[in-house]
Amino acid sequence: MATKTPEVRRRPGGRSARVQNAVYDAVGELMARERPDHITIPMVAERAGVNPTSIYRRWGDADALLEEVAVAAFTRDDERVPDTGSFAGDLREWARVIARDITRPHRTRYLRALVAARDGLVEQCPCWTTREEQLAEMTALARTRDERTPGVEQVLNHVIAPLYHHVVFGLPVDDELAQRLVDDVLSMTPRDEYRDEYLSGTK
C-alpha cells in the first residue's frame, strides 16, 4: 500500500492526545535502538501501551507513522518567525534556531527516519512546506520595511537544504555554519549597502 502524505496534525485533546503522545514517544524511543525499516506497528503499539488496531486505523502503516512523527518534530505549534527589525537579522536568528533544533538527538533521529521511510518518500515533506511559509512571512515583513531580499527558493536551497543535509549525513551543524550559509545567500542580494551592513558582522 502506498504511503500517504501525512498531514501536520494540531494537538488533539483528551484521550486522542494521550494516544498520540504515547505513540510519538514510542517511535522516538524505538528510533534510538532500531533502524527505521525494522520498526513495525506492533512494536510501537506494545511500547506505547496502545491497541495496534488503533494505530492502523489512524495511520495506516509504519511508513505513514514515521513520516508524521518526523514532520511533527519539525513543525512545532509554538514556533514563530523572528522579527528583529531587519530581514538579515530575522534570517540569521531563524537559521540559528533551526540549526540548534535539528541537532537535538531526538530531532535528528526523526529527520533520518523521514528520509529512510521504506515505501518511498512523499514528493514534498510538509516540514519543508512549513519552512517555505515561514520564509514567505519573513520576506513579506521585510518588504513592509522596503528591504530587498533574496528569493524564497534561493534561501531554502542555500540555507535550509544544507542544514538538513548535514544532519542527515552526520556532518557538523552549529551556529557558525548557519551564519555562514546566511552570509552566502545575503551576498546574492544585489544591493551593496545591504551586503556591507550585514555581512560585515555589525548586525
N, C-alpha and C. Protein backbone atom coordinates (compact mmCIF):
# COMPACT_ATOMS: atom_id res chain seq x y z
N MET A 1 0.85 -1.19 0.00
CA MET A 1 0.00 0.00 0.00
C MET A 1 0.88 1.24 0.00
N ALA A 2 0.59 2.20 -0.85
CA ALA A 2 1.42 3.38 -0.97
C ALA A 2 1.32 4.22 0.29
N THR A 3 2.44 4.83 0.64
CA THR A 3 2.47 5.69 1.82
C THR A 3 1.71 6.98 1.55
N LYS A 4 0.83 7.34 2.45
CA LYS A 4 0.06 8.55 2.30
C LYS A 4 0.85 9.73 2.82
N THR A 5 0.66 10.87 2.18
CA THR A 5 1.29 12.08 2.68
C THR A 5 0.67 12.45 4.01
N PRO A 6 1.48 12.52 5.09
CA PRO A 6 0.90 12.83 6.39
C PRO A 6 0.52 14.28 6.51
N GLU A 7 -0.57 14.52 7.17
CA GLU A 7 -0.96 15.89 7.45
C GLU A 7 -0.29 16.33 8.74
N VAL A 8 0.01 17.63 8.82
CA VAL A 8 0.53 18.17 10.07
C VAL A 8 -0.62 18.29 11.03
N ARG A 9 -0.59 17.51 12.08
CA ARG A 9 -1.74 17.44 12.98
C ARG A 9 -1.60 18.46 14.11
N ARG A 10 -2.68 19.14 14.40
CA ARG A 10 -2.73 20.01 15.57
C ARG A 10 -2.93 19.15 16.81
N ARG A 11 -2.59 19.72 17.92
CA ARG A 11 -2.67 18.94 19.15
C ARG A 11 -4.11 18.60 19.49
N PRO A 12 -4.48 17.34 19.49
CA PRO A 12 -5.84 16.97 19.85
C PRO A 12 -5.99 17.00 21.36
N GLY A 13 -7.21 16.83 21.82
CA GLY A 13 -7.44 16.83 23.24
C GLY A 13 -7.86 15.48 23.76
N GLY A 14 -7.90 15.35 25.09
CA GLY A 14 -8.42 14.16 25.73
C GLY A 14 -7.67 12.90 25.40
N ARG A 15 -8.43 11.81 25.26
CA ARG A 15 -7.82 10.50 25.03
C ARG A 15 -7.02 10.47 23.73
N SER A 16 -7.52 11.15 22.71
CA SER A 16 -6.82 11.18 21.43
C SER A 16 -5.42 11.77 21.60
N ALA A 17 -5.30 12.82 22.42
CA ALA A 17 -3.99 13.43 22.67
C ALA A 17 -3.08 12.46 23.41
N ARG A 18 -3.63 11.73 24.38
CA ARG A 18 -2.81 10.79 25.15
C ARG A 18 -2.29 9.67 24.25
N VAL A 19 -3.16 9.18 23.36
CA VAL A 19 -2.74 8.12 22.44
C VAL A 19 -1.66 8.64 21.51
N GLN A 20 -1.87 9.81 20.94
CA GLN A 20 -0.88 10.36 20.02
C GLN A 20 0.45 10.57 20.71
N ASN A 21 0.44 11.15 21.90
CA ASN A 21 1.69 11.40 22.62
C ASN A 21 2.39 10.09 22.95
N ALA A 22 1.63 9.08 23.36
CA ALA A 22 2.23 7.79 23.68
C ALA A 22 2.86 7.16 22.45
N VAL A 23 2.18 7.26 21.32
CA VAL A 23 2.70 6.69 20.07
C VAL A 23 3.94 7.45 19.61
N TYR A 24 3.90 8.78 19.68
CA TYR A 24 5.06 9.58 19.28
C TYR A 24 6.26 9.24 20.17
N ASP A 25 6.03 9.15 21.47
CA ASP A 25 7.13 8.82 22.39
C ASP A 25 7.70 7.44 22.08
N ALA A 26 6.80 6.50 21.78
CA ALA A 26 7.25 5.14 21.47
C ALA A 26 8.11 5.13 20.22
N VAL A 27 7.71 5.87 19.20
CA VAL A 27 8.51 5.94 17.98
C VAL A 27 9.89 6.53 18.28
N GLY A 28 9.92 7.60 19.07
CA GLY A 28 11.20 8.20 19.42
C GLY A 28 12.12 7.23 20.15
N GLU A 29 11.55 6.48 21.09
CA GLU A 29 12.35 5.51 21.84
C GLU A 29 12.85 4.39 20.92
N LEU A 30 12.00 3.93 20.03
CA LEU A 30 12.41 2.87 19.11
C LEU A 30 13.47 3.37 18.13
N MET A 31 13.37 4.63 17.72
CA MET A 31 14.36 5.18 16.80
C MET A 31 15.75 5.21 17.42
N ALA A 32 15.81 5.25 18.74
CA ALA A 32 17.11 5.25 19.42
C ALA A 32 17.77 3.89 19.37
N ARG A 33 16.99 2.82 19.06
CA ARG A 33 17.51 1.46 19.12
C ARG A 33 17.44 0.70 17.81
N GLU A 34 16.51 1.11 16.94
CA GLU A 34 16.23 0.32 15.74
C GLU A 34 16.43 1.15 14.47
N ARG A 35 16.72 0.44 13.39
CA ARG A 35 16.66 1.09 12.09
C ARG A 35 15.20 1.36 11.75
N PRO A 36 14.93 2.45 11.01
CA PRO A 36 13.53 2.76 10.68
C PRO A 36 12.80 1.62 9.98
N ASP A 37 13.52 0.88 9.11
CA ASP A 37 12.83 -0.18 8.38
C ASP A 37 12.60 -1.42 9.22
N HIS A 38 13.06 -1.40 10.48
CA HIS A 38 12.79 -2.51 11.40
C HIS A 38 11.62 -2.22 12.33
N ILE A 39 11.15 -0.97 12.32
CA ILE A 39 10.07 -0.58 13.22
C ILE A 39 8.72 -0.97 12.61
N THR A 40 7.91 -1.66 13.40
CA THR A 40 6.60 -2.10 12.95
C THR A 40 5.51 -1.52 13.84
N ILE A 41 4.29 -1.55 13.35
CA ILE A 41 3.16 -1.07 14.14
C ILE A 41 3.02 -1.87 15.44
N PRO A 42 3.11 -3.21 15.43
CA PRO A 42 3.01 -3.95 16.70
C PRO A 42 4.07 -3.54 17.70
N MET A 43 5.30 -3.25 17.23
CA MET A 43 6.35 -2.81 18.14
C MET A 43 5.98 -1.48 18.79
N VAL A 44 5.49 -0.55 17.98
CA VAL A 44 5.09 0.76 18.50
C VAL A 44 3.94 0.60 19.48
N ALA A 45 2.96 -0.22 19.11
CA ALA A 45 1.79 -0.41 19.96
C ALA A 45 2.17 -0.98 21.31
N GLU A 46 3.06 -1.96 21.32
CA GLU A 46 3.47 -2.57 22.58
C GLU A 46 4.16 -1.57 23.48
N ARG A 47 5.06 -0.79 22.91
CA ARG A 47 5.80 0.18 23.72
C ARG A 47 4.90 1.32 24.18
N ALA A 48 3.93 1.68 23.35
CA ALA A 48 3.03 2.80 23.70
C ALA A 48 1.88 2.36 24.60
N GLY A 49 1.65 1.04 24.73
CA GLY A 49 0.52 0.57 25.51
C GLY A 49 -0.80 0.86 24.82
N VAL A 50 -0.79 0.76 23.48
CA VAL A 50 -1.97 1.08 22.68
C VAL A 50 -2.32 -0.15 21.84
N ASN A 51 -3.59 -0.34 21.59
CA ASN A 51 -4.01 -1.44 20.73
C ASN A 51 -3.51 -1.19 19.31
N PRO A 52 -2.86 -2.18 18.68
CA PRO A 52 -2.37 -1.98 17.30
C PRO A 52 -3.45 -1.54 16.33
N THR A 53 -4.69 -2.01 16.56
CA THR A 53 -5.79 -1.63 15.67
C THR A 53 -5.99 -0.12 15.64
N SER A 54 -5.81 0.51 16.79
CA SER A 54 -5.97 1.97 16.85
C SER A 54 -4.94 2.67 15.99
N ILE A 55 -3.71 2.14 16.01
CA ILE A 55 -2.64 2.75 15.21
C ILE A 55 -2.89 2.52 13.72
N TYR A 56 -3.25 1.29 13.37
CA TYR A 56 -3.55 1.02 11.96
C TYR A 56 -4.68 1.90 11.45
N ARG A 57 -5.71 2.06 12.29
CA ARG A 57 -6.87 2.85 11.87
C ARG A 57 -6.49 4.31 11.66
N ARG A 58 -5.61 4.82 12.50
CA ARG A 58 -5.28 6.24 12.42
C ARG A 58 -4.17 6.55 11.41
N TRP A 59 -3.16 5.68 11.33
CA TRP A 59 -2.01 5.98 10.49
C TRP A 59 -1.87 5.07 9.27
N GLY A 60 -2.48 3.91 9.29
CA GLY A 60 -2.45 3.05 8.13
C GLY A 60 -1.28 2.10 8.10
N ASP A 61 -0.05 2.62 8.14
CA ASP A 61 1.13 1.77 8.13
C ASP A 61 2.29 2.47 8.83
N ALA A 62 3.39 1.73 8.98
CA ALA A 62 4.54 2.26 9.73
C ALA A 62 5.17 3.43 9.00
N ASP A 63 5.21 3.39 7.68
CA ASP A 63 5.82 4.48 6.93
C ASP A 63 5.10 5.80 7.19
N ALA A 64 3.77 5.77 7.11
CA ALA A 64 2.99 6.99 7.34
C ALA A 64 3.20 7.50 8.76
N LEU A 65 3.28 6.58 9.72
CA LEU A 65 3.50 6.99 11.11
C LEU A 65 4.87 7.63 11.28
N LEU A 66 5.91 7.00 10.75
CA LEU A 66 7.26 7.57 10.87
C LEU A 66 7.34 8.94 10.23
N GLU A 67 6.71 9.10 9.09
CA GLU A 67 6.74 10.39 8.42
C GLU A 67 6.03 11.45 9.25
N GLU A 68 4.87 11.09 9.82
CA GLU A 68 4.13 12.08 10.60
C GLU A 68 4.91 12.50 11.84
N VAL A 69 5.53 11.53 12.51
CA VAL A 69 6.30 11.87 13.71
C VAL A 69 7.47 12.78 13.34
N ALA A 70 8.14 12.48 12.23
CA ALA A 70 9.24 13.32 11.80
C ALA A 70 8.77 14.72 11.46
N VAL A 71 7.65 14.82 10.75
CA VAL A 71 7.09 16.12 10.40
C VAL A 71 6.72 16.90 11.65
N ALA A 72 6.07 16.22 12.59
CA ALA A 72 5.65 16.89 13.83
C ALA A 72 6.85 17.44 14.59
N ALA A 73 7.96 16.72 14.52
CA ALA A 73 9.16 17.16 15.23
C ALA A 73 9.73 18.44 14.66
N PHE A 74 9.42 18.74 13.40
CA PHE A 74 9.99 19.92 12.76
C PHE A 74 8.98 21.01 12.47
N THR A 75 7.77 20.85 12.94
CA THR A 75 6.74 21.86 12.73
C THR A 75 5.99 22.09 14.03
N ARG A 76 6.70 22.54 15.04
CA ARG A 76 6.09 22.73 16.35
C ARG A 76 5.06 23.86 16.29
N ASP A 77 3.99 23.66 17.05
CA ASP A 77 2.93 24.67 17.08
C ASP A 77 3.41 26.00 17.65
N ASP A 78 4.42 25.96 18.53
CA ASP A 78 4.85 27.18 19.20
C ASP A 78 5.95 27.92 18.45
N GLU A 79 6.32 27.43 17.27
CA GLU A 79 7.40 28.07 16.53
C GLU A 79 6.88 29.30 15.80
N ARG A 80 7.59 30.41 15.94
CA ARG A 80 7.22 31.65 15.29
C ARG A 80 8.42 32.20 14.55
N VAL A 81 8.16 32.92 13.47
CA VAL A 81 9.26 33.53 12.76
C VAL A 81 9.76 34.73 13.57
N PRO A 82 11.06 35.01 13.53
CA PRO A 82 11.60 36.13 14.30
C PRO A 82 11.24 37.48 13.66
N ASP A 83 11.30 38.52 14.46
CA ASP A 83 11.11 39.88 13.98
C ASP A 83 12.12 40.76 14.70
N THR A 84 13.32 40.83 14.12
CA THR A 84 14.42 41.57 14.75
C THR A 84 14.51 43.01 14.28
N GLY A 85 13.70 43.35 13.26
CA GLY A 85 13.77 44.70 12.71
C GLY A 85 14.44 44.78 11.36
N SER A 86 15.06 43.68 10.91
CA SER A 86 15.67 43.65 9.59
C SER A 86 15.58 42.23 9.05
N PHE A 87 15.54 42.11 7.73
CA PHE A 87 15.46 40.78 7.14
C PHE A 87 16.72 39.98 7.44
N ALA A 88 17.88 40.62 7.36
CA ALA A 88 19.13 39.90 7.64
C ALA A 88 19.14 39.39 9.07
N GLY A 89 18.71 40.22 10.00
CA GLY A 89 18.65 39.79 11.39
C GLY A 89 17.66 38.66 11.59
N ASP A 90 16.50 38.78 10.93
CA ASP A 90 15.50 37.71 11.02
C ASP A 90 16.05 36.40 10.48
N LEU A 91 16.72 36.48 9.33
CA LEU A 91 17.24 35.28 8.69
C LEU A 91 18.33 34.64 9.53
N ARG A 92 19.18 35.46 10.12
CA ARG A 92 20.25 34.93 10.98
C ARG A 92 19.65 34.20 12.19
N GLU A 93 18.67 34.83 12.84
CA GLU A 93 18.06 34.21 14.02
C GLU A 93 17.30 32.95 13.64
N TRP A 94 16.57 32.98 12.55
CA TRP A 94 15.80 31.83 12.07
C TRP A 94 16.72 30.65 11.80
N ALA A 95 17.81 30.89 11.08
CA ALA A 95 18.76 29.82 10.76
C ALA A 95 19.41 29.27 12.02
N ARG A 96 19.71 30.16 12.97
CA ARG A 96 20.34 29.72 14.22
C ARG A 96 19.39 28.81 15.01
N VAL A 97 18.12 29.20 15.11
CA VAL A 97 17.14 28.41 15.84
C VAL A 97 16.96 27.04 15.18
N ILE A 98 16.87 27.02 13.85
CA ILE A 98 16.69 25.75 13.14
C ILE A 98 17.90 24.85 13.35
N ALA A 99 19.09 25.41 13.22
CA ALA A 99 20.31 24.62 13.38
C ALA A 99 20.38 23.99 14.76
N ARG A 100 20.06 24.76 15.78
CA ARG A 100 20.12 24.22 17.15
C ARG A 100 19.03 23.17 17.37
N ASP A 101 17.87 23.39 16.77
CA ASP A 101 16.76 22.47 16.99
C ASP A 101 16.99 21.12 16.31
N ILE A 102 17.43 21.13 15.06
CA ILE A 102 17.55 19.87 14.33
C ILE A 102 18.76 19.05 14.75
N THR A 103 19.65 19.65 15.56
CA THR A 103 20.78 18.87 16.06
C THR A 103 20.50 18.26 17.43
N ARG A 104 19.33 18.51 17.99
CA ARG A 104 18.95 17.81 19.22
C ARG A 104 18.73 16.34 18.86
N PRO A 105 19.21 15.41 19.69
CA PRO A 105 19.23 13.99 19.30
C PRO A 105 17.91 13.45 18.78
N HIS A 106 16.79 13.74 19.47
CA HIS A 106 15.54 13.16 19.01
C HIS A 106 15.07 13.80 17.71
N ARG A 107 15.39 15.08 17.48
CA ARG A 107 15.05 15.72 16.22
C ARG A 107 15.85 15.05 15.08
N THR A 108 17.13 14.81 15.34
CA THR A 108 17.96 14.17 14.32
C THR A 108 17.44 12.79 13.97
N ARG A 109 17.04 12.02 14.97
CA ARG A 109 16.50 10.69 14.70
C ARG A 109 15.24 10.76 13.86
N TYR A 110 14.37 11.73 14.18
CA TYR A 110 13.14 11.85 13.43
C TYR A 110 13.40 12.24 11.98
N LEU A 111 14.34 13.16 11.77
CA LEU A 111 14.64 13.57 10.40
C LEU A 111 15.20 12.41 9.60
N ARG A 112 16.09 11.64 10.20
CA ARG A 112 16.65 10.49 9.49
C ARG A 112 15.58 9.43 9.25
N ALA A 113 14.62 9.32 10.16
CA ALA A 113 13.51 8.38 9.96
C ALA A 113 12.68 8.80 8.75
N LEU A 114 12.46 10.09 8.61
CA LEU A 114 11.69 10.59 7.47
C LEU A 114 12.39 10.24 6.16
N VAL A 115 13.69 10.44 6.12
CA VAL A 115 14.45 10.17 4.90
C VAL A 115 14.49 8.68 4.59
N ALA A 116 14.51 7.86 5.65
CA ALA A 116 14.65 6.41 5.46
C ALA A 116 13.33 5.66 5.37
N ALA A 117 12.20 6.36 5.38
CA ALA A 117 10.90 5.67 5.33
C ALA A 117 10.87 4.74 4.13
N ARG A 118 10.24 3.58 4.29
CA ARG A 118 10.52 2.46 3.40
C ARG A 118 9.91 2.52 2.01
N ASP A 119 8.63 2.82 1.89
CA ASP A 119 7.95 2.62 0.62
C ASP A 119 7.93 3.86 -0.26
N GLY A 120 8.97 4.65 -0.15
CA GLY A 120 9.03 5.86 -0.97
C GLY A 120 8.63 7.08 -0.17
N LEU A 121 9.30 8.17 -0.41
CA LEU A 121 9.04 9.39 0.34
C LEU A 121 7.91 10.19 -0.31
N VAL A 122 7.31 11.03 0.49
CA VAL A 122 6.34 11.96 -0.07
C VAL A 122 7.08 12.89 -1.03
N GLU A 123 6.35 13.43 -2.02
CA GLU A 123 7.01 14.26 -3.02
C GLU A 123 7.60 15.51 -2.38
N GLN A 124 6.90 16.10 -1.44
CA GLN A 124 7.44 17.25 -0.73
C GLN A 124 7.02 17.15 0.72
N CYS A 125 7.98 17.12 1.58
CA CYS A 125 7.72 16.96 3.01
C CYS A 125 6.96 18.17 3.54
N PRO A 126 5.90 17.96 4.32
CA PRO A 126 5.18 19.10 4.89
C PRO A 126 6.06 19.99 5.76
N CYS A 127 7.13 19.44 6.36
CA CYS A 127 8.01 20.31 7.16
C CYS A 127 8.73 21.30 6.25
N TRP A 128 9.03 20.89 5.01
CA TRP A 128 9.65 21.80 4.05
C TRP A 128 8.65 22.89 3.66
N THR A 129 7.40 22.51 3.49
CA THR A 129 6.36 23.48 3.17
C THR A 129 6.23 24.52 4.28
N THR A 130 6.34 24.05 5.54
CA THR A 130 6.27 24.97 6.66
C THR A 130 7.41 25.97 6.62
N ARG A 131 8.62 25.50 6.32
CA ARG A 131 9.77 26.42 6.22
C ARG A 131 9.53 27.44 5.11
N GLU A 132 8.96 26.98 4.01
CA GLU A 132 8.67 27.88 2.89
C GLU A 132 7.67 28.96 3.31
N GLU A 133 6.66 28.56 4.06
CA GLU A 133 5.65 29.52 4.52
C GLU A 133 6.26 30.51 5.51
N GLN A 134 7.12 30.02 6.41
CA GLN A 134 7.77 30.91 7.36
C GLN A 134 8.63 31.95 6.64
N LEU A 135 9.37 31.48 5.65
CA LEU A 135 10.24 32.38 4.91
C LEU A 135 9.44 33.41 4.11
N ALA A 136 8.31 32.97 3.55
CA ALA A 136 7.45 33.90 2.83
C ALA A 136 6.93 34.99 3.77
N GLU A 137 6.62 34.60 5.01
CA GLU A 137 6.16 35.58 6.00
C GLU A 137 7.28 36.56 6.34
N MET A 138 8.50 36.07 6.51
CA MET A 138 9.63 36.95 6.79
C MET A 138 9.89 37.91 5.63
N THR A 139 9.78 37.39 4.41
CA THR A 139 10.00 38.21 3.23
C THR A 139 8.95 39.31 3.11
N ALA A 140 7.69 38.95 3.38
CA ALA A 140 6.62 39.94 3.32
C ALA A 140 6.85 41.04 4.35
N LEU A 141 7.30 40.66 5.54
CA LEU A 141 7.59 41.65 6.58
C LEU A 141 8.73 42.56 6.14
N ALA A 142 9.74 41.99 5.51
CA ALA A 142 10.87 42.79 5.04
C ALA A 142 10.42 43.82 4.01
N ARG A 143 9.47 43.44 3.19
CA ARG A 143 9.02 44.36 2.14
C ARG A 143 8.25 45.54 2.73
N THR A 144 7.64 45.35 3.90
CA THR A 144 6.98 46.48 4.55
C THR A 144 8.01 47.47 5.06
N ARG A 145 9.27 47.01 5.18
CA ARG A 145 10.37 47.89 5.60
C ARG A 145 11.20 48.35 4.39
N ASP A 146 10.68 48.07 3.19
CA ASP A 146 11.36 48.46 1.94
C ASP A 146 12.73 47.82 1.81
N GLU A 147 12.86 46.58 2.27
CA GLU A 147 14.13 45.87 2.15
C GLU A 147 14.13 44.98 0.92
N ARG A 148 15.28 44.89 0.28
CA ARG A 148 15.47 43.90 -0.77
C ARG A 148 15.81 42.57 -0.11
N THR A 149 15.30 41.49 -0.67
CA THR A 149 15.57 40.17 -0.09
C THR A 149 15.88 39.17 -1.20
N PRO A 150 16.61 38.10 -0.87
CA PRO A 150 16.75 37.01 -1.83
C PRO A 150 15.39 36.34 -2.01
N GLY A 151 15.24 35.55 -3.06
CA GLY A 151 14.01 34.83 -3.29
C GLY A 151 13.82 33.72 -2.26
N VAL A 152 12.56 33.35 -2.03
CA VAL A 152 12.25 32.29 -1.07
C VAL A 152 12.98 31.00 -1.44
N GLU A 153 12.88 30.61 -2.71
CA GLU A 153 13.52 29.37 -3.15
C GLU A 153 15.03 29.43 -2.99
N GLN A 154 15.58 30.61 -3.20
CA GLN A 154 17.02 30.79 -3.07
C GLN A 154 17.48 30.54 -1.63
N VAL A 155 16.73 31.06 -0.68
CA VAL A 155 17.09 30.86 0.73
C VAL A 155 16.90 29.40 1.13
N LEU A 156 15.80 28.79 0.69
CA LEU A 156 15.59 27.38 1.01
C LEU A 156 16.74 26.52 0.49
N ASN A 157 17.17 26.79 -0.74
CA ASN A 157 18.22 25.97 -1.35
C ASN A 157 19.59 26.22 -0.77
N HIS A 158 19.84 27.44 -0.29
CA HIS A 158 21.18 27.80 0.15
C HIS A 158 21.36 27.87 1.66
N VAL A 159 20.27 27.81 2.40
CA VAL A 159 20.37 27.83 3.86
C VAL A 159 19.73 26.58 4.48
N ILE A 160 18.46 26.36 4.22
CA ILE A 160 17.74 25.27 4.87
C ILE A 160 18.19 23.91 4.35
N ALA A 161 18.26 23.75 3.04
CA ALA A 161 18.65 22.45 2.48
C ALA A 161 20.03 22.00 2.99
N PRO A 162 21.05 22.87 3.00
CA PRO A 162 22.35 22.41 3.53
C PRO A 162 22.30 22.03 5.01
N LEU A 163 21.51 22.74 5.81
CA LEU A 163 21.41 22.39 7.23
C LEU A 163 20.82 20.99 7.38
N TYR A 164 19.73 20.72 6.69
CA TYR A 164 19.11 19.40 6.78
C TYR A 164 20.04 18.33 6.22
N HIS A 165 20.70 18.63 5.11
CA HIS A 165 21.62 17.68 4.50
C HIS A 165 22.72 17.29 5.48
N HIS A 166 23.29 18.28 6.17
CA HIS A 166 24.36 17.99 7.13
C HIS A 166 23.88 17.07 8.25
N VAL A 167 22.68 17.33 8.75
CA VAL A 167 22.17 16.50 9.83
C VAL A 167 21.94 15.06 9.37
N VAL A 168 21.32 14.91 8.22
CA VAL A 168 21.01 13.56 7.72
C VAL A 168 22.28 12.74 7.52
N PHE A 169 23.34 13.38 7.04
CA PHE A 169 24.55 12.64 6.71
C PHE A 169 25.63 12.73 7.79
N GLY A 170 25.27 13.19 8.98
CA GLY A 170 26.19 13.17 10.11
C GLY A 170 27.29 14.19 10.04
N LEU A 171 27.11 15.26 9.28
CA LEU A 171 28.10 16.33 9.19
C LEU A 171 27.83 17.36 10.28
N PRO A 172 28.84 18.09 10.71
CA PRO A 172 28.65 19.04 11.82
C PRO A 172 27.73 20.20 11.45
N VAL A 173 26.86 20.53 12.38
CA VAL A 173 25.96 21.68 12.24
C VAL A 173 26.06 22.52 13.50
N ASP A 174 26.33 23.79 13.35
CA ASP A 174 26.43 24.68 14.51
C ASP A 174 26.06 26.09 14.08
N ASP A 175 26.13 27.03 15.04
CA ASP A 175 25.77 28.41 14.74
C ASP A 175 26.66 28.99 13.64
N GLU A 176 27.94 28.62 13.66
CA GLU A 176 28.87 29.16 12.67
C GLU A 176 28.46 28.75 11.25
N LEU A 177 28.10 27.49 11.07
CA LEU A 177 27.65 27.04 9.76
C LEU A 177 26.38 27.80 9.35
N ALA A 178 25.43 27.91 10.27
CA ALA A 178 24.17 28.60 9.95
C ALA A 178 24.44 30.03 9.50
N GLN A 179 25.33 30.73 10.20
CA GLN A 179 25.61 32.11 9.86
C GLN A 179 26.37 32.21 8.54
N ARG A 180 27.26 31.27 8.28
CA ARG A 180 27.99 31.27 7.02
C ARG A 180 27.05 31.07 5.83
N LEU A 181 26.08 30.17 6.00
CA LEU A 181 25.10 29.94 4.94
C LEU A 181 24.25 31.19 4.70
N VAL A 182 23.88 31.87 5.79
CA VAL A 182 23.12 33.11 5.65
C VAL A 182 23.95 34.17 4.94
N ASP A 183 25.22 34.30 5.32
CA ASP A 183 26.10 35.25 4.64
C ASP A 183 26.14 34.99 3.14
N ASP A 184 26.23 33.72 2.79
CA ASP A 184 26.32 33.35 1.37
C ASP A 184 25.09 33.79 0.61
N VAL A 185 23.91 33.52 1.19
CA VAL A 185 22.69 33.86 0.45
C VAL A 185 22.45 35.37 0.44
N LEU A 186 22.84 36.07 1.50
CA LEU A 186 22.68 37.52 1.51
C LEU A 186 23.61 38.18 0.50
N SER A 187 24.75 37.56 0.26
CA SER A 187 25.69 38.13 -0.71
C SER A 187 25.15 38.07 -2.13
N MET A 188 24.11 37.27 -2.34
CA MET A 188 23.48 37.18 -3.66
C MET A 188 22.47 38.29 -3.89
N THR A 189 22.17 39.07 -2.84
CA THR A 189 21.19 40.14 -2.97
C THR A 189 21.87 41.37 -3.57
N PRO A 190 21.44 41.83 -4.73
CA PRO A 190 22.16 42.89 -5.45
C PRO A 190 21.91 44.28 -4.89
N ARG A 191 22.41 44.48 -3.68
CA ARG A 191 22.28 45.81 -3.07
C ARG A 191 23.49 46.00 -2.17
N ASP A 192 24.46 46.82 -2.59
CA ASP A 192 25.75 46.89 -1.92
C ASP A 192 25.64 47.31 -0.46
N GLU A 193 24.81 48.32 -0.19
CA GLU A 193 24.73 48.79 1.18
C GLU A 193 24.12 47.72 2.08
N TYR A 194 23.22 46.94 1.55
CA TYR A 194 22.62 45.84 2.32
C TYR A 194 23.70 44.82 2.67
N ARG A 195 24.51 44.45 1.68
CA ARG A 195 25.56 43.46 1.92
C ARG A 195 26.59 44.00 2.90
N ASP A 196 27.03 45.25 2.67
CA ASP A 196 28.10 45.79 3.51
C ASP A 196 27.68 45.88 4.96
N GLU A 197 26.43 46.26 5.20
CA GLU A 197 25.95 46.46 6.57
C GLU A 197 25.86 45.15 7.32
N TYR A 198 25.36 44.11 6.66
CA TYR A 198 25.06 42.88 7.38
C TYR A 198 26.13 41.81 7.25
N LEU A 199 26.89 41.83 6.18
CA LEU A 199 27.94 40.84 6.05
C LEU A 199 29.20 41.25 6.79
N SER A 200 29.26 42.50 7.22
CA SER A 200 30.41 42.95 7.99
C SER A 200 30.35 42.47 9.42
N GLY A 201 29.17 41.90 9.81
CA GLY A 201 29.02 41.40 11.18
C GLY A 201 28.60 42.46 12.15
N THR A 202 28.22 43.64 11.66
CA THR A 202 27.80 44.70 12.56
C THR A 202 26.37 44.57 12.97
N LYS A 203 25.61 43.67 12.31
CA LYS A 203 24.21 43.45 12.69
C LYS A 203 24.03 42.05 13.18
